Amino acid sequence: MIELLRTNDLVLISLVEAILAENNIAVVLADQHMSAVEGSLSFLPRRILVADEAAGRARRALTEAGLAGELRDG
């Protein structure tokens, strides 16, 4: 799995999930339960992961949607 981004922005997470779903790219949202447990301190961001073989397509889709600045290097 490749990490595309980390954030606590629930709107951004929903947007990214929708864009990737539209492109038939499966998403794993990691740390969502831990982030909820720690409360509103934003100490543990949620991570969006995709399969290694889908990472290139996912990055292209998110870049085309204007979200290149949100992507993690890698």
N, C-alpha and C. Protein backbone atom coordinates (compact mmCIF):
# COMPACT_ATOMS: atom_id res chain seq x y z
N MET A 1 0.85 -1.18 0.00
CA MET A 1 0.00 0.00 0.00
C MET A 1 0.89 1.24 0.00
N ILE A 2 0.43 2.25 -0.72
CA ILE A 2 1.13 3.52 -0.83
C ILE A 2 0.29 4.60 -0.17
N GLU A 3 0.91 5.41 0.67
CA GLU A 3 0.22 6.52 1.32
C GLU A 3 0.20 7.71 0.37
N LEU A 4 -1.00 8.19 0.05
CA LEU A 4 -1.13 9.35 -0.82
C LEU A 4 -1.15 10.65 -0.04
N LEU A 5 -1.86 10.66 1.09
CA LEU A 5 -1.91 11.88 1.88
C LEU A 5 -2.32 11.59 3.31
N ARG A 6 -2.04 12.58 4.17
CA ARG A 6 -2.44 12.54 5.59
C ARG A 6 -3.19 13.83 5.87
N THR A 7 -4.30 13.70 6.54
CA THR A 7 -5.07 14.90 6.88
C THR A 7 -6.12 14.58 7.93
N ASN A 8 -6.57 15.61 8.60
CA ASN A 8 -7.73 15.50 9.49
C ASN A 8 -8.93 16.21 8.90
N ASP A 9 -8.78 16.71 7.68
CA ASP A 9 -9.85 17.44 6.99
C ASP A 9 -10.83 16.42 6.40
N LEU A 10 -11.98 16.28 7.06
CA LEU A 10 -12.96 15.27 6.64
C LEU A 10 -13.55 15.57 5.27
N VAL A 11 -13.65 16.85 4.92
CA VAL A 11 -14.16 17.22 3.60
C VAL A 11 -13.16 16.80 2.52
N LEU A 12 -11.89 17.04 2.76
CA LEU A 12 -10.85 16.62 1.81
C LEU A 12 -10.84 15.10 1.66
N ILE A 13 -10.97 14.39 2.76
CA ILE A 13 -11.00 12.93 2.70
C ILE A 13 -12.16 12.46 1.84
N SER A 14 -13.33 13.03 2.04
CA SER A 14 -14.50 12.66 1.25
C SER A 14 -14.29 12.95 -0.22
N LEU A 15 -13.71 14.10 -0.52
CA LEU A 15 -13.44 14.48 -1.91
C LEU A 15 -12.47 13.50 -2.56
N VAL A 16 -11.38 13.19 -1.88
CA VAL A 16 -10.39 12.26 -2.42
C VAL A 16 -11.00 10.88 -2.63
N GLU A 17 -11.77 10.41 -1.66
CA GLU A 17 -12.43 9.11 -1.81
C GLU A 17 -13.35 9.10 -3.02
N ALA A 18 -14.09 10.18 -3.23
CA ALA A 18 -15.02 10.25 -4.37
C ALA A 18 -14.27 10.27 -5.70
N ILE A 19 -13.20 11.05 -5.77
CA ILE A 19 -12.41 11.12 -7.00
C ILE A 19 -11.81 9.76 -7.33
N LEU A 20 -11.26 9.10 -6.33
CA LEU A 20 -10.63 7.80 -6.57
C LEU A 20 -11.68 6.74 -6.90
N ALA A 21 -12.83 6.78 -6.25
CA ALA A 21 -13.90 5.83 -6.57
C ALA A 21 -14.37 6.02 -8.00
N GLU A 22 -14.47 7.27 -8.44
CA GLU A 22 -14.88 7.56 -9.81
C GLU A 22 -13.90 6.97 -10.82
N ASN A 23 -12.64 6.83 -10.40
CA ASN A 23 -11.60 6.27 -11.26
C ASN A 23 -11.37 4.78 -10.97
N ASN A 24 -12.30 4.16 -10.25
CA ASN A 24 -12.22 2.73 -9.92
C ASN A 24 -10.93 2.36 -9.19
N ILE A 25 -10.54 3.21 -8.25
CA ILE A 25 -9.35 2.97 -7.44
C ILE A 25 -9.80 2.75 -6.00
N ALA A 26 -9.49 1.58 -5.47
CA ALA A 26 -9.87 1.24 -4.10
C ALA A 26 -9.01 2.04 -3.11
N VAL A 27 -9.64 2.48 -2.04
CA VAL A 27 -8.99 3.31 -1.02
C VAL A 27 -9.08 2.62 0.33
N VAL A 28 -8.00 2.73 1.11
CA VAL A 28 -8.03 2.31 2.50
C VAL A 28 -7.81 3.57 3.33
N LEU A 29 -8.72 3.85 4.24
CA LEU A 29 -8.59 4.99 5.13
C LEU A 29 -8.03 4.48 6.45
N ALA A 30 -6.75 4.74 6.68
CA ALA A 30 -6.07 4.23 7.86
C ALA A 30 -6.14 5.25 9.00
N ASP A 31 -6.13 4.76 10.19
CA ASP A 31 -6.09 5.56 11.42
C ASP A 31 -7.36 6.34 11.69
N GLN A 32 -8.45 6.02 11.01
CA GLN A 32 -9.68 6.78 11.24
C GLN A 32 -10.22 6.57 12.65
N HIS A 33 -10.09 5.38 13.19
CA HIS A 33 -10.60 5.12 14.53
C HIS A 33 -9.69 5.72 15.60
N MET A 34 -8.39 5.62 15.39
CA MET A 34 -7.45 6.23 16.34
C MET A 34 -7.60 7.74 16.37
N SER A 35 -7.81 8.32 15.21
CA SER A 35 -7.98 9.77 15.12
C SER A 35 -9.24 10.20 15.86
N ALA A 36 -10.29 9.41 15.78
CA ALA A 36 -11.54 9.73 16.48
C ALA A 36 -11.37 9.59 17.99
N VAL A 37 -10.58 8.62 18.42
CA VAL A 37 -10.37 8.39 19.84
C VAL A 37 -9.60 9.55 20.47
N GLU A 38 -8.61 10.08 19.76
CA GLU A 38 -7.79 11.14 20.35
C GLU A 38 -8.52 12.47 20.40
N GLY A 39 -9.65 12.59 19.76
CA GLY A 39 -10.44 13.81 19.85
C GLY A 39 -10.08 14.85 18.81
N SER A 40 -10.23 16.10 19.18
CA SER A 40 -10.06 17.18 18.21
C SER A 40 -8.68 17.81 18.26
N LEU A 41 -7.71 17.14 18.82
CA LEU A 41 -6.36 17.70 18.92
C LEU A 41 -5.58 17.62 17.62
N SER A 42 -6.07 16.86 16.66
CA SER A 42 -5.41 16.68 15.36
C SER A 42 -4.02 16.09 15.50
N PHE A 43 -3.85 15.29 16.51
CA PHE A 43 -2.54 14.67 16.75
C PHE A 43 -2.28 13.51 15.80
N LEU A 44 -3.33 12.76 15.48
CA LEU A 44 -3.19 11.60 14.60
C LEU A 44 -4.01 11.81 13.32
N PRO A 45 -3.37 12.24 12.26
CA PRO A 45 -4.12 12.43 11.01
C PRO A 45 -4.53 11.10 10.39
N ARG A 46 -5.59 11.14 9.64
CA ARG A 46 -6.03 9.97 8.87
C ARG A 46 -5.14 9.87 7.64
N ARG A 47 -4.91 8.64 7.18
CA ARG A 47 -4.07 8.42 6.00
C ARG A 47 -4.88 7.75 4.92
N ILE A 48 -4.72 8.22 3.69
CA ILE A 48 -5.37 7.60 2.54
C ILE A 48 -4.33 6.77 1.82
N LEU A 49 -4.62 5.47 1.70
CA LEU A 49 -3.71 4.51 1.08
C LEU A 49 -4.37 3.89 -0.15
N VAL A 50 -3.54 3.57 -1.14
CA VAL A 50 -4.00 2.83 -2.32
C VAL A 50 -3.00 1.71 -2.60
N ALA A 51 -3.42 0.75 -3.39
CA ALA A 51 -2.54 -0.35 -3.77
C ALA A 51 -1.37 0.19 -4.58
N ASP A 52 -0.22 -0.46 -4.46
CA ASP A 52 0.99 -0.02 -5.17
C ASP A 52 0.73 0.18 -6.65
N GLU A 53 0.04 -0.77 -7.27
CA GLU A 53 -0.17 -0.71 -8.72
C GLU A 53 -1.15 0.39 -9.13
N ALA A 54 -1.90 0.94 -8.19
CA ALA A 54 -2.86 2.01 -8.50
C ALA A 54 -2.33 3.40 -8.14
N ALA A 55 -1.16 3.47 -7.54
CA ALA A 55 -0.65 4.75 -7.05
C ALA A 55 -0.47 5.78 -8.16
N GLY A 56 0.08 5.39 -9.28
CA GLY A 56 0.28 6.33 -10.39
C GLY A 56 -1.03 6.89 -10.90
N ARG A 57 -2.00 6.02 -11.11
CA ARG A 57 -3.33 6.47 -11.58
C ARG A 57 -3.99 7.38 -10.54
N ALA A 58 -3.83 7.03 -9.27
CA ALA A 58 -4.44 7.83 -8.20
C ALA A 58 -3.82 9.22 -8.15
N ARG A 59 -2.50 9.29 -8.25
CA ARG A 59 -1.82 10.59 -8.23
C ARG A 59 -2.25 11.44 -9.42
N ARG A 60 -2.36 10.83 -10.59
CA ARG A 60 -2.80 11.57 -11.79
C ARG A 60 -4.21 12.11 -11.59
N ALA A 61 -5.10 11.27 -11.10
CA ALA A 61 -6.49 11.69 -10.90
C ALA A 61 -6.59 12.85 -9.92
N LEU A 62 -5.84 12.77 -8.83
CA LEU A 62 -5.89 13.83 -7.83
C LEU A 62 -5.20 15.10 -8.32
N THR A 63 -4.14 14.95 -9.10
CA THR A 63 -3.47 16.11 -9.67
C THR A 63 -4.39 16.82 -10.65
N GLU A 64 -5.08 16.05 -11.50
CA GLU A 64 -6.02 16.63 -12.46
C GLU A 64 -7.17 17.35 -11.75
N ALA A 65 -7.48 16.92 -10.54
CA ALA A 65 -8.56 17.54 -9.76
C ALA A 65 -8.06 18.76 -8.97
N GLY A 66 -6.78 19.09 -9.12
CA GLY A 66 -6.22 20.26 -8.44
C GLY A 66 -5.75 20.00 -7.03
N LEU A 67 -5.51 18.75 -6.69
CA LEU A 67 -5.11 18.40 -5.33
C LEU A 67 -3.65 17.98 -5.22
N ALA A 68 -2.83 18.35 -6.19
CA ALA A 68 -1.41 17.95 -6.17
C ALA A 68 -0.71 18.42 -4.90
N GLY A 69 -1.08 19.58 -4.40
CA GLY A 69 -0.45 20.12 -3.20
C GLY A 69 -0.74 19.33 -1.94
N GLU A 70 -1.74 18.50 -1.97
CA GLU A 70 -2.11 17.68 -0.81
C GLU A 70 -1.36 16.35 -0.77
N LEU A 71 -0.78 15.94 -1.91
CA LEU A 71 -0.15 14.63 -2.01
C LEU A 71 1.18 14.59 -1.27
N ARG A 72 1.45 13.45 -0.67
CA ARG A 72 2.75 13.23 -0.03
C ARG A 72 3.74 12.81 -1.09
N ASP A 73 4.99 13.13 -0.86
CA ASP A 73 6.05 12.72 -1.79
C ASP A 73 6.17 11.21 -1.78
N GLY A 74 6.55 10.68 -2.91
CA GLY A 74 6.76 9.24 -2.94
C GLY A 74 6.25 8.58 -4.11
